[in-house]
Structures are given as C-alpha cells and as structure tokens.
Amino acid sequence: MKTTSQVHSLAVFFIAALVIGGTTSTVSAVVPYTITPIDTLGGDRNFANDISDTGFVTGNSRKAGGTQLFPYVWQSGVAEEIPILPDVPTFGRGFGVNSTGIVAGESGNGPSKAFRYDSTTDVIDDIGSLAGGSGGVANDINDAGVIVGAASNGQSVRAFISDGTPGGPLVDLGTPLGTTDSFARAYGISQSGVIAGVARNNSDTTSEPTLWLDDGVGGYTPTTIGSPAGSVFGEAFAATDDGRAVGRYSDPVSSQTRAFFYDGGSSVDLGLLPGETFDNARALDINSAGQIVGYVADFDNAPSFGGAAVLWEGGEIFDLNDLIPSASGWSLLSANGINTHGQIVGFGTLMGQTRAFVLTPIPEPSSIALLASMAIGCCLAVRRRQR
C-alpha cells in the first residue's frame, strides 16, 4: 500500500515528467514549440537531417575556417564531429541516426562511400558497395541497425539494404521493372522494416514513389505506390510501420514539385501554405502519429532561397515559424525529421547564419491541468482512507 507521501511523490513525478519532457503523448499541431540551436563544429553553418526517439541528432556542419561540411552527432546540447573514412575527399554528411546513437551517412563525394558510425565507441566503418560498383550513400538506419541507401552496381544506381557489417555485402532491393539496369534509391526505413524510396516503374515509363515490403522469405518486394497525379516522377522519403508514406511528386499541371501523403491505398496532395507565394513543397518525414514535416519554397530543393518549414497534421498545414517564440530571431526554412515524441529537426537562419535546430513541443495546459487534478484527487482519496 502506498503512503500519502509516496502518492505525493508519484504525482509530482508525473507532473514534472509532462512539464519538462513534454514528449509522452500525441502532440497537437496547435501546440507551440521551444527551439534549441545546435552548435556548429566551429564554423558558420550547419544542418540537421534526422532525430531519434532518444534525442540523438545527425547532420552536417562546417568547421572553423573551413569551407567543407562534416558529419556530426548531437545529444543533450553537445555536437561531436564524426570522422571521415580514409582515402576519400574531405567531406561528409550524416543522414540517419537510431536510438543508440548509430549514424548512417556518406563520406566523400567522388565517389562517396556509405558509412556506419557508432557514437558510443567512436568507430566508423565503410559498409561496402554493390557487386560491380563502388561506393554508395547510406540514407537511413532503424533501431535494429538495418541501413538502407543507394549505390552503383556498375550499370545503374540501385537501392540497397545492409545489416551494417563492415565491407558489406550490400543487398540490391530490386525494382518493379525487374531489370538490373533500372534506377532505384532507398531513402528511409521504418522500425519494422518498411522501406521508402524511388524506382523505375514496371511499365518503364518513369521513376515513381516506391515501397519495399518484406516478402516473408528473406527478401523484399518493390511496389510502386504512385502519386496524386498518377504515373509521374516522384519519390517517397519516409514510411511508417503500417505502410503509410510521404514524399514529393511532379505536378503535370503546374510543373511544380508538390508534397504527397500515401495512406496505404492511395495518395493525396498535402497542399501549400495559404496566403503565401511558395508553390513548391516536399514532405520529408512522418512519425507513427501521422505528423508530417517538410517545407514549402519558391524553388524545389532550395528552401534557403525562400521557403518555410512546415508541419502537416489532421489535414491542415502549419508554418512552424508561427509556433515558436516570435522574438526568437529564427526563420525556419526546412523541417527534415520528426520522432515519435513530436520533436522536429531541420535548419533555418539565425542572426544571418544557416543553423540547425531542434523543436520540442510544449505540452498543452489542459493536459497538465488534467494530470494535476488526477494526482490531487488521488492524494485526497488516500487521506480520506487514512482518516
């Protein structure tokens, strides 16, 4: 039986957890965010690409006096440089990070090499290449340590999967077209192994948003999921365990790039910010609660030249600049990743410099009040029993 003091302590603990963490329940889009800048490696700019459920962040950052960008891993206010693989040009990016702090990314760009970096041991490994090719890019990693990305097989760029073993082998995921020279890239993998990317469709007319699903016998089945405009070029950047996905497609009417959401059966256009002139959009990530992040911009793939980081939720679109303190000095340009707690990472400008950020949702006052009233009621019930 709990004593009164134990119940008081329990109540205080739960209230503190909600107020300080703010990440234990589904977050509403109208909830504001705190914003935390991620320190650079001493230079004047950095970018954040992914955030794990435990708060690890990865991206790339410029060092003091340098012009090249280097991969980093960040947690609890500290950014640490990830080493570059030997024998490649001085350059690197971190694209995906899991809950144990293992990062997937690329070192060099001529050609690049796919790497796996363990932040607990400070060990970086080249995970190899496809047979017939050299190098590659590791785009994402899940908590099981499974890595996906893209590499050449000597004929074409192909989507691959890897268990992260140094030196490979990488496994070719195939394409709906089924030929060894058809194009494919894998961009994201869910915790259960649903893979999102782009591949040549089975009619060989264009490359479309594609999901690779476990076939139950040790392989994967590539499936074209299409876009709101049908068979036009598009890419899926992220997927959930239940097969929902987000990405971008080329609108044949406007010739602009638009963001889409795939619900497991069909795709819909996510829309643009009302009252704004931005006419391009990309949806870059989705969490299990269905919150989608990305950007709208004047030019596709260039939010730095006029754009805004956005959140899509419940059929609505929200400018994340409206959900942070108005006097923060930030202009949020792109939201690149979101975890299950609703924390968002991306980049924007702060005092004229391009900087990476972490947004953390502030819990709704009604949620805090409800939890507090439940805790008080529990305390009063114990007191009545004691009397």
Protein backbone atom coordinates (compact mmCIF):
# COMPACT_ATOMS: atom_id res chain seq x y z
CA MET A 1 0.00 0.00 0.00
CA LYS A 2 1.36 3.47 -0.95
CA THR A 3 1.63 6.07 1.80
CA THR A 4 0.42 9.66 1.39
CA SER A 5 3.98 10.86 0.86
CA GLN A 6 4.51 8.21 -1.79
CA VAL A 7 1.40 9.33 -3.65
CA HIS A 8 2.52 12.96 -3.40
CA SER A 9 5.90 11.96 -4.83
CA LEU A 10 4.27 9.99 -7.61
CA ALA A 11 2.04 12.91 -8.53
CA VAL A 12 4.95 15.33 -8.56
CA PHE A 13 6.95 12.91 -10.69
CA PHE A 14 4.27 12.58 -13.37
CA ILE A 15 3.60 16.32 -13.48
CA ALA A 16 7.32 17.06 -13.75
CA ALA A 17 7.71 14.47 -16.48
CA LEU A 18 4.96 16.09 -18.53
CA VAL A 19 6.15 19.67 -17.96
CA ILE A 20 9.85 19.01 -18.52
CA GLY A 21 9.71 16.27 -21.14
CA GLY A 22 6.55 17.22 -22.95
CA THR A 23 7.01 14.20 -25.16
CA THR A 24 4.97 11.39 -23.64
CA SER A 25 1.74 11.83 -25.57
CA THR A 26 0.49 12.70 -29.03
CA VAL A 27 1.16 16.35 -29.75
CA SER A 28 -1.41 18.66 -31.30
CA ALA A 29 -0.34 20.81 -34.22
CA VAL A 30 -1.52 23.94 -32.42
CA VAL A 31 0.88 23.31 -29.53
CA PRO A 32 3.86 25.73 -29.57
CA TYR A 33 7.48 24.64 -29.53
CA THR A 34 10.67 25.58 -27.77
CA ILE A 35 13.63 25.92 -30.12
CA THR A 36 17.18 24.79 -29.41
CA PRO A 37 20.04 25.71 -31.74
CA ILE A 38 22.61 23.00 -32.48
CA ASP A 39 26.16 24.26 -32.18
CA THR A 40 28.35 24.12 -35.27
CA LEU A 41 31.77 22.50 -35.26
CA GLY A 42 33.21 26.00 -35.00
CA GLY A 43 32.19 27.28 -38.42
CA ASP A 44 29.34 29.46 -39.63
CA ARG A 45 26.66 26.93 -40.63
CA ASN A 46 25.15 23.51 -40.02
CA PHE A 47 22.14 21.38 -40.96
CA ALA A 48 20.12 18.72 -39.08
CA ASN A 49 18.70 15.76 -41.01
CA ASP A 50 17.32 13.26 -38.51
CA ILE A 51 16.39 12.80 -34.83
CA SER A 52 15.95 9.52 -32.95
CA ASP A 53 13.38 8.81 -30.25
CA THR A 54 16.16 9.19 -27.65
CA GLY A 55 17.17 12.64 -28.88
CA PHE A 56 20.24 11.84 -30.98
CA VAL A 57 20.52 14.21 -33.97
CA THR A 58 22.72 13.95 -37.04
CA GLY A 59 23.51 16.21 -39.97
CA ASN A 60 26.49 18.10 -41.32
CA SER A 61 28.39 21.13 -40.09
CA ARG A 62 31.18 23.45 -41.12
CA LYS A 63 34.37 23.66 -39.06
CA ALA A 64 36.16 26.87 -38.10
CA GLY A 65 37.92 28.44 -41.09
CA GLY A 66 36.77 25.69 -43.44
CA THR A 67 34.53 25.52 -46.48
CA GLN A 68 33.64 21.81 -46.42
CA LEU A 69 30.87 20.21 -44.36
CA PHE A 70 31.47 17.33 -41.96
CA PRO A 71 29.05 14.87 -40.37
CA TYR A 72 28.19 15.20 -36.68
CA VAL A 73 26.11 13.57 -33.96
CA TRP A 74 24.41 15.69 -31.29
CA GLN A 75 22.70 14.91 -28.00
CA SER A 76 21.91 16.92 -24.86
CA GLY A 77 23.47 20.11 -26.18
CA VAL A 78 26.76 18.65 -27.40
CA ALA A 79 27.73 18.21 -31.06
CA GLU A 80 30.59 15.86 -31.86
CA GLU A 81 32.33 15.53 -35.21
CA ILE A 82 32.09 12.19 -36.95
CA PRO A 83 35.40 11.18 -38.55
CA ILE A 84 35.73 10.86 -42.30
CA LEU A 85 36.54 7.49 -43.86
CA PRO A 86 40.15 7.30 -45.02
CA ASP A 87 41.11 7.73 -48.68
CA VAL A 88 38.11 9.90 -49.61
CA PRO A 89 37.84 13.66 -50.19
CA THR A 90 37.30 15.74 -47.07
CA PHE A 91 33.54 15.89 -46.92
CA GLY A 92 30.70 14.05 -45.22
CA ARG A 93 27.06 14.07 -44.16
CA GLY A 94 25.04 12.23 -41.54
CA PHE A 95 21.59 11.27 -42.84
CA GLY A 96 20.05 8.86 -40.33
CA VAL A 97 20.51 8.08 -36.63
CA ASN A 98 18.92 5.47 -34.37
CA SER A 99 18.09 5.38 -30.67
CA THR A 100 21.51 4.01 -29.65
CA GLY A 101 23.36 6.80 -31.44
CA ILE A 102 24.48 4.85 -34.53
CA VAL A 103 24.67 7.12 -37.57
CA ALA A 104 24.36 6.27 -41.27
CA GLY A 105 25.72 8.65 -43.91
CA GLU A 106 28.27 9.31 -46.59
CA SER A 107 31.97 10.21 -46.65
CA GLY A 108 33.41 11.94 -49.70
CA ASN A 109 31.71 12.69 -52.99
CA GLY A 110 33.89 11.33 -55.72
CA PRO A 111 32.50 8.70 -55.37
CA SER A 112 31.01 8.79 -51.91
CA LYS A 113 31.25 5.87 -49.50
CA ALA A 114 28.42 4.69 -47.27
CA PHE A 115 29.37 4.65 -43.59
CA ARG A 116 28.10 3.39 -40.25
CA TYR A 117 29.33 5.28 -37.19
CA ASP A 118 28.89 4.12 -33.58
CA SER A 119 28.97 7.18 -31.32
CA THR A 120 29.47 5.06 -28.18
CA THR A 121 32.70 3.51 -29.46
CA ASP A 122 33.74 6.30 -31.85
CA VAL A 123 34.23 3.72 -34.61
CA ILE A 124 33.35 4.44 -38.26
CA ASP A 125 33.08 1.68 -40.86
CA ASP A 126 32.75 1.59 -44.63
CA ILE A 127 29.77 -0.72 -45.20
CA GLY A 128 30.88 -1.58 -48.72
CA SER A 129 29.27 -1.42 -52.14
CA LEU A 130 27.16 -3.46 -54.54
CA ALA A 131 28.81 -6.08 -56.73
CA GLY A 132 30.15 -4.44 -59.86
CA GLY A 133 30.10 -0.93 -58.41
CA SER A 134 31.96 1.20 -55.91
CA GLY A 135 30.85 3.38 -53.04
CA GLY A 136 27.38 4.45 -52.06
CA VAL A 137 25.28 6.59 -49.71
CA ALA A 138 23.64 5.33 -46.51
CA ASN A 139 20.42 7.31 -46.12
CA ASP A 140 18.72 5.84 -43.05
CA ILE A 141 19.05 3.37 -40.16
CA ASN A 142 16.44 1.91 -37.80
CA ASP A 143 16.77 0.80 -34.19
CA ALA A 144 17.56 -2.75 -35.32
CA GLY A 145 20.65 -1.35 -37.05
CA VAL A 146 19.37 -2.04 -40.58
CA ILE A 147 20.69 0.51 -43.09
CA VAL A 148 19.25 1.50 -46.48
CA GLY A 149 20.60 3.72 -49.21
CA ALA A 150 21.77 3.84 -52.82
CA ALA A 151 24.84 2.57 -54.65
CA SER A 152 26.01 1.76 -58.16
CA ASN A 153 26.13 -1.80 -59.46
CA GLY A 154 28.18 -0.75 -62.50
CA GLN A 155 25.06 -0.38 -64.64
CA SER A 156 22.78 1.92 -62.66
CA VAL A 157 22.13 3.45 -59.25
CA ARG A 158 20.29 0.88 -57.12
CA ALA A 159 18.55 0.81 -53.75
CA PHE A 160 20.28 -1.35 -51.14
CA ILE A 161 19.80 -2.78 -47.67
CA SER A 162 22.58 -3.69 -45.24
CA ASP A 163 22.94 -5.04 -41.72
CA GLY A 164 25.84 -2.62 -41.25
CA THR A 165 28.61 -5.21 -41.42
CA PRO A 166 31.91 -3.51 -42.38
CA GLY A 167 32.75 -4.15 -46.01
CA GLY A 168 29.31 -5.43 -46.91
CA PRO A 169 27.84 -7.08 -48.71
CA LEU A 170 25.08 -4.68 -49.64
CA VAL A 171 21.91 -6.37 -50.90
CA ASP A 172 20.20 -4.99 -54.03
CA LEU A 173 16.50 -4.36 -53.31
CA GLY A 174 15.45 -4.61 -56.95
CA THR A 175 12.88 -2.52 -58.84
CA PRO A 176 9.29 -3.03 -60.05
CA LEU A 177 10.69 -3.17 -63.60
CA GLY A 178 12.86 -6.11 -62.57
CA THR A 179 15.96 -5.40 -64.65
CA THR A 180 19.47 -5.00 -63.25
CA ASP A 181 20.00 -1.68 -65.04
CA SER A 182 16.83 0.09 -63.80
CA PHE A 183 17.20 3.03 -61.41
CA ALA A 184 16.30 2.98 -57.69
CA ARG A 185 17.15 4.75 -54.41
CA ALA A 186 16.10 3.94 -50.84
CA TYR A 187 15.70 6.95 -48.55
CA GLY A 188 14.04 5.72 -45.37
CA ILE A 189 13.29 2.62 -43.31
CA SER A 190 10.71 2.24 -40.53
CA GLN A 191 11.32 0.34 -37.30
CA SER A 192 9.54 -2.74 -38.71
CA GLY A 193 11.48 -2.60 -41.99
CA VAL A 194 9.18 -0.82 -44.43
CA ILE A 195 11.49 0.89 -46.92
CA ALA A 196 10.65 4.08 -48.83
CA GLY A 197 12.30 5.41 -51.95
CA VAL A 198 12.06 5.75 -55.71
CA ALA A 199 12.40 3.22 -58.52
CA ARG A 200 11.68 2.69 -62.20
CA ASN A 201 8.09 1.52 -62.57
CA ASN A 202 7.14 -1.79 -64.14
CA SER A 203 6.00 -0.14 -67.38
CA ASP A 204 9.39 1.55 -67.78
CA THR A 205 7.81 4.98 -68.32
CA THR A 206 9.20 6.89 -65.33
CA SER A 207 10.58 6.54 -61.80
CA GLU A 208 7.88 6.69 -59.13
CA PRO A 209 7.49 6.62 -55.31
CA THR A 210 8.17 3.05 -54.21
CA LEU A 211 7.88 0.95 -51.06
CA TRP A 212 9.84 -2.24 -50.46
CA LEU A 213 7.96 -4.71 -48.24
CA ASP A 214 9.27 -7.87 -46.58
CA ASP A 215 8.18 -10.85 -48.74
CA GLY A 216 8.35 -13.28 -45.81
CA VAL A 217 11.10 -15.42 -47.32
CA GLY A 218 14.11 -13.21 -46.67
CA GLY A 219 13.63 -10.74 -49.50
CA TYR A 220 11.76 -7.57 -50.37
CA THR A 221 9.03 -6.83 -52.87
CA PRO A 222 9.25 -3.41 -54.60
CA THR A 223 5.82 -1.82 -55.12
CA THR A 224 5.06 1.43 -56.94
CA ILE A 225 2.64 3.49 -54.82
CA GLY A 226 2.07 6.31 -57.31
CA SER A 227 1.20 9.92 -56.60
CA PRO A 228 -1.91 12.13 -56.65
CA ALA A 229 -1.21 12.81 -60.34
CA GLY A 230 -0.78 9.18 -61.33
CA SER A 231 2.25 7.91 -63.21
CA VAL A 232 4.60 10.89 -62.95
CA PHE A 233 8.05 11.24 -61.41
CA GLY A 234 8.08 11.19 -57.63
CA GLU A 235 9.94 9.94 -54.56
CA ALA A 236 8.94 8.57 -51.16
CA PHE A 237 11.25 9.79 -48.40
CA ALA A 238 9.86 8.08 -45.29
CA ALA A 239 7.38 5.39 -44.25
CA THR A 240 5.66 4.14 -41.10
CA ASP A 241 5.42 0.57 -39.83
CA ASP A 242 1.88 0.25 -41.20
CA GLY A 243 2.86 1.29 -44.73
CA ARG A 244 1.95 4.97 -44.81
CA ALA A 245 4.45 7.15 -46.66
CA VAL A 246 5.31 10.73 -47.62
CA GLY A 247 7.32 12.34 -50.38
CA ARG A 248 7.16 14.60 -53.39
CA TYR A 249 5.92 14.39 -56.96
CA SER A 250 5.99 16.50 -60.15
CA ASP A 251 2.61 18.11 -60.75
CA PRO A 252 1.97 17.87 -64.52
CA VAL A 253 -0.42 20.84 -64.46
CA SER A 254 1.69 23.42 -62.63
CA SER A 255 5.11 21.85 -63.36
CA GLN A 256 5.88 22.40 -59.68
CA THR A 257 7.03 19.90 -57.08
CA ARG A 258 4.31 19.07 -54.57
CA ALA A 259 4.18 17.08 -51.32
CA PHE A 260 2.08 13.93 -51.01
CA PHE A 261 0.81 11.54 -48.35
CA TYR A 262 0.14 7.86 -49.06
CA ASP A 263 -2.34 6.23 -46.66
CA GLY A 264 -1.62 2.66 -47.67
CA GLY A 265 -4.08 2.67 -50.54
CA SER A 266 -3.93 5.99 -52.35
CA SER A 267 -2.01 9.28 -52.37
CA VAL A 268 -3.24 12.82 -51.73
CA ASP A 269 -1.64 16.22 -52.24
CA LEU A 270 -0.77 17.78 -48.87
CA GLY A 271 -1.29 21.35 -50.03
CA LEU A 272 0.56 24.64 -49.66
CA LEU A 273 0.54 27.43 -47.09
CA PRO A 274 -2.50 29.67 -47.67
CA GLY A 275 -1.70 33.31 -48.35
CA GLU A 276 1.90 32.55 -49.33
CA THR A 277 3.58 32.60 -52.75
CA PHE A 278 5.54 29.39 -52.15
CA ASP A 279 4.42 26.97 -54.85
CA ASN A 280 6.79 24.02 -54.31
CA ALA A 281 6.66 21.56 -51.43
CA ARG A 282 8.32 18.41 -50.11
CA ALA A 283 7.18 16.11 -47.29
CA LEU A 284 10.36 14.66 -45.78
CA ASP A 285 9.36 12.63 -42.74
CA ILE A 286 6.37 11.15 -40.90
CA ASN A 287 6.02 9.71 -37.39
CA SER A 288 3.71 6.99 -36.07
CA ALA A 289 1.12 9.60 -35.00
CA GLY A 290 0.80 10.77 -38.60
CA GLN A 291 2.59 14.10 -38.12
CA ILE A 292 4.38 15.06 -41.34
CA VAL A 293 7.20 17.59 -41.72
CA GLY A 294 8.90 19.21 -44.68
CA TYR A 295 8.97 22.58 -46.39
CA VAL A 296 7.33 24.86 -48.91
CA ALA A 297 9.55 27.00 -51.13
CA ASP A 298 9.87 29.22 -54.17
CA PHE A 299 12.20 26.68 -55.78
CA ASP A 300 12.20 22.92 -55.39
CA ASN A 301 15.11 21.57 -53.34
CA ALA A 302 16.15 25.13 -52.42
CA PRO A 303 14.24 26.37 -49.35
CA SER A 304 17.26 28.53 -48.44
CA PHE A 305 16.29 30.82 -51.34
CA GLY A 306 12.80 31.46 -49.99
CA GLY A 307 10.86 28.92 -48.01
CA ALA A 308 9.32 27.86 -44.72
CA ALA A 309 9.48 24.75 -42.53
CA VAL A 310 6.02 23.24 -42.21
CA LEU A 311 4.03 20.63 -40.33
CA TRP A 312 1.05 18.79 -41.82
CA GLU A 313 -1.36 17.29 -39.32
CA GLY A 314 -5.02 16.37 -39.35
CA GLY A 315 -5.48 17.55 -42.91
CA GLU A 316 -4.05 21.01 -42.16
CA ILE A 317 -0.72 22.70 -42.85
CA PHE A 318 1.09 24.84 -40.27
CA ASP A 319 4.02 27.21 -40.70
CA LEU A 320 6.40 26.22 -37.91
CA ASN A 321 7.60 29.82 -37.73
CA ASP A 322 4.19 30.63 -36.22
CA LEU A 323 4.67 28.02 -33.49
CA ILE A 324 7.93 29.27 -31.97
CA PRO A 325 8.52 32.39 -29.82
CA SER A 326 8.03 35.46 -32.02
CA ALA A 327 11.17 37.13 -30.66
CA SER A 328 13.42 34.10 -31.20
CA GLY A 329 15.23 35.64 -34.18
CA TRP A 330 14.80 32.44 -36.17
CA SER A 331 13.49 31.94 -39.69
CA LEU A 332 12.80 28.22 -40.07
CA LEU A 333 13.38 27.08 -43.65
CA SER A 334 13.08 23.28 -43.66
CA ALA A 335 11.88 20.57 -41.24
CA ASN A 336 13.80 17.41 -42.14
CA GLY A 337 12.97 14.90 -39.41
CA ILE A 338 10.44 14.14 -36.66
CA ASN A 339 10.48 11.48 -33.94
CA THR A 340 7.62 9.70 -32.17
CA HIS A 341 7.57 12.36 -29.44
CA GLY A 342 6.93 15.15 -31.95
CA GLN A 343 10.42 16.66 -31.76
CA ILE A 344 11.45 18.18 -35.08
CA VAL A 345 14.86 18.93 -36.58
CA GLY A 346 15.85 20.98 -39.61
CA PHE A 347 17.58 24.20 -40.48
CA GLY A 348 16.88 27.89 -40.74
CA THR A 349 18.63 31.20 -40.29
CA LEU A 350 19.63 32.82 -37.00
CA MET A 351 21.41 36.17 -36.99
CA GLY A 352 22.17 35.80 -40.69
CA GLN A 353 23.71 32.33 -40.41
CA THR A 354 22.35 28.97 -41.51
CA ARG A 355 21.81 26.94 -38.36
CA ALA A 356 20.38 23.58 -37.35
CA PHE A 357 17.59 23.44 -34.78
CA VAL A 358 15.59 21.11 -32.55
CA LEU A 359 11.94 21.93 -31.86
CA THR A 360 10.40 20.40 -28.75
CA PRO A 361 6.61 20.59 -28.31
CA ILE A 362 5.32 22.35 -25.21
CA PRO A 363 2.52 20.30 -23.58
CA GLU A 364 -0.97 21.74 -23.68
CA PRO A 365 -2.04 23.45 -20.43
CA SER A 366 -5.19 21.34 -20.40
CA SER A 367 -3.07 18.17 -20.32
CA ILE A 368 -1.06 19.45 -17.38
CA ALA A 369 -4.21 20.55 -15.56
CA LEU A 370 -5.85 17.17 -16.13
CA LEU A 371 -2.84 15.28 -14.82
CA ALA A 372 -2.56 17.61 -11.83
CA SER A 373 -6.23 17.19 -10.93
CA MET A 374 -5.89 13.41 -11.17
CA ALA A 375 -2.86 13.49 -8.88
CA ILE A 376 -4.62 15.77 -6.35
CA GLY A 377 -7.69 13.53 -6.39
CA CYS A 378 -5.50 10.52 -5.73
CA CYS A 379 -3.88 12.26 -2.75
CA LEU A 380 -7.25 13.25 -1.28
CA ALA A 381 -8.56 9.70 -1.62
CA VAL A 382 -5.57 8.36 0.31
CA ARG A 383 -6.10 10.92 3.06
CA ARG A 384 -9.77 10.00 3.40
CA ARG A 385 -8.86 6.34 3.72
CA GLN A 386 -6.31 7.13 6.41
CA ARG A 387 -8.85 9.15 8.38
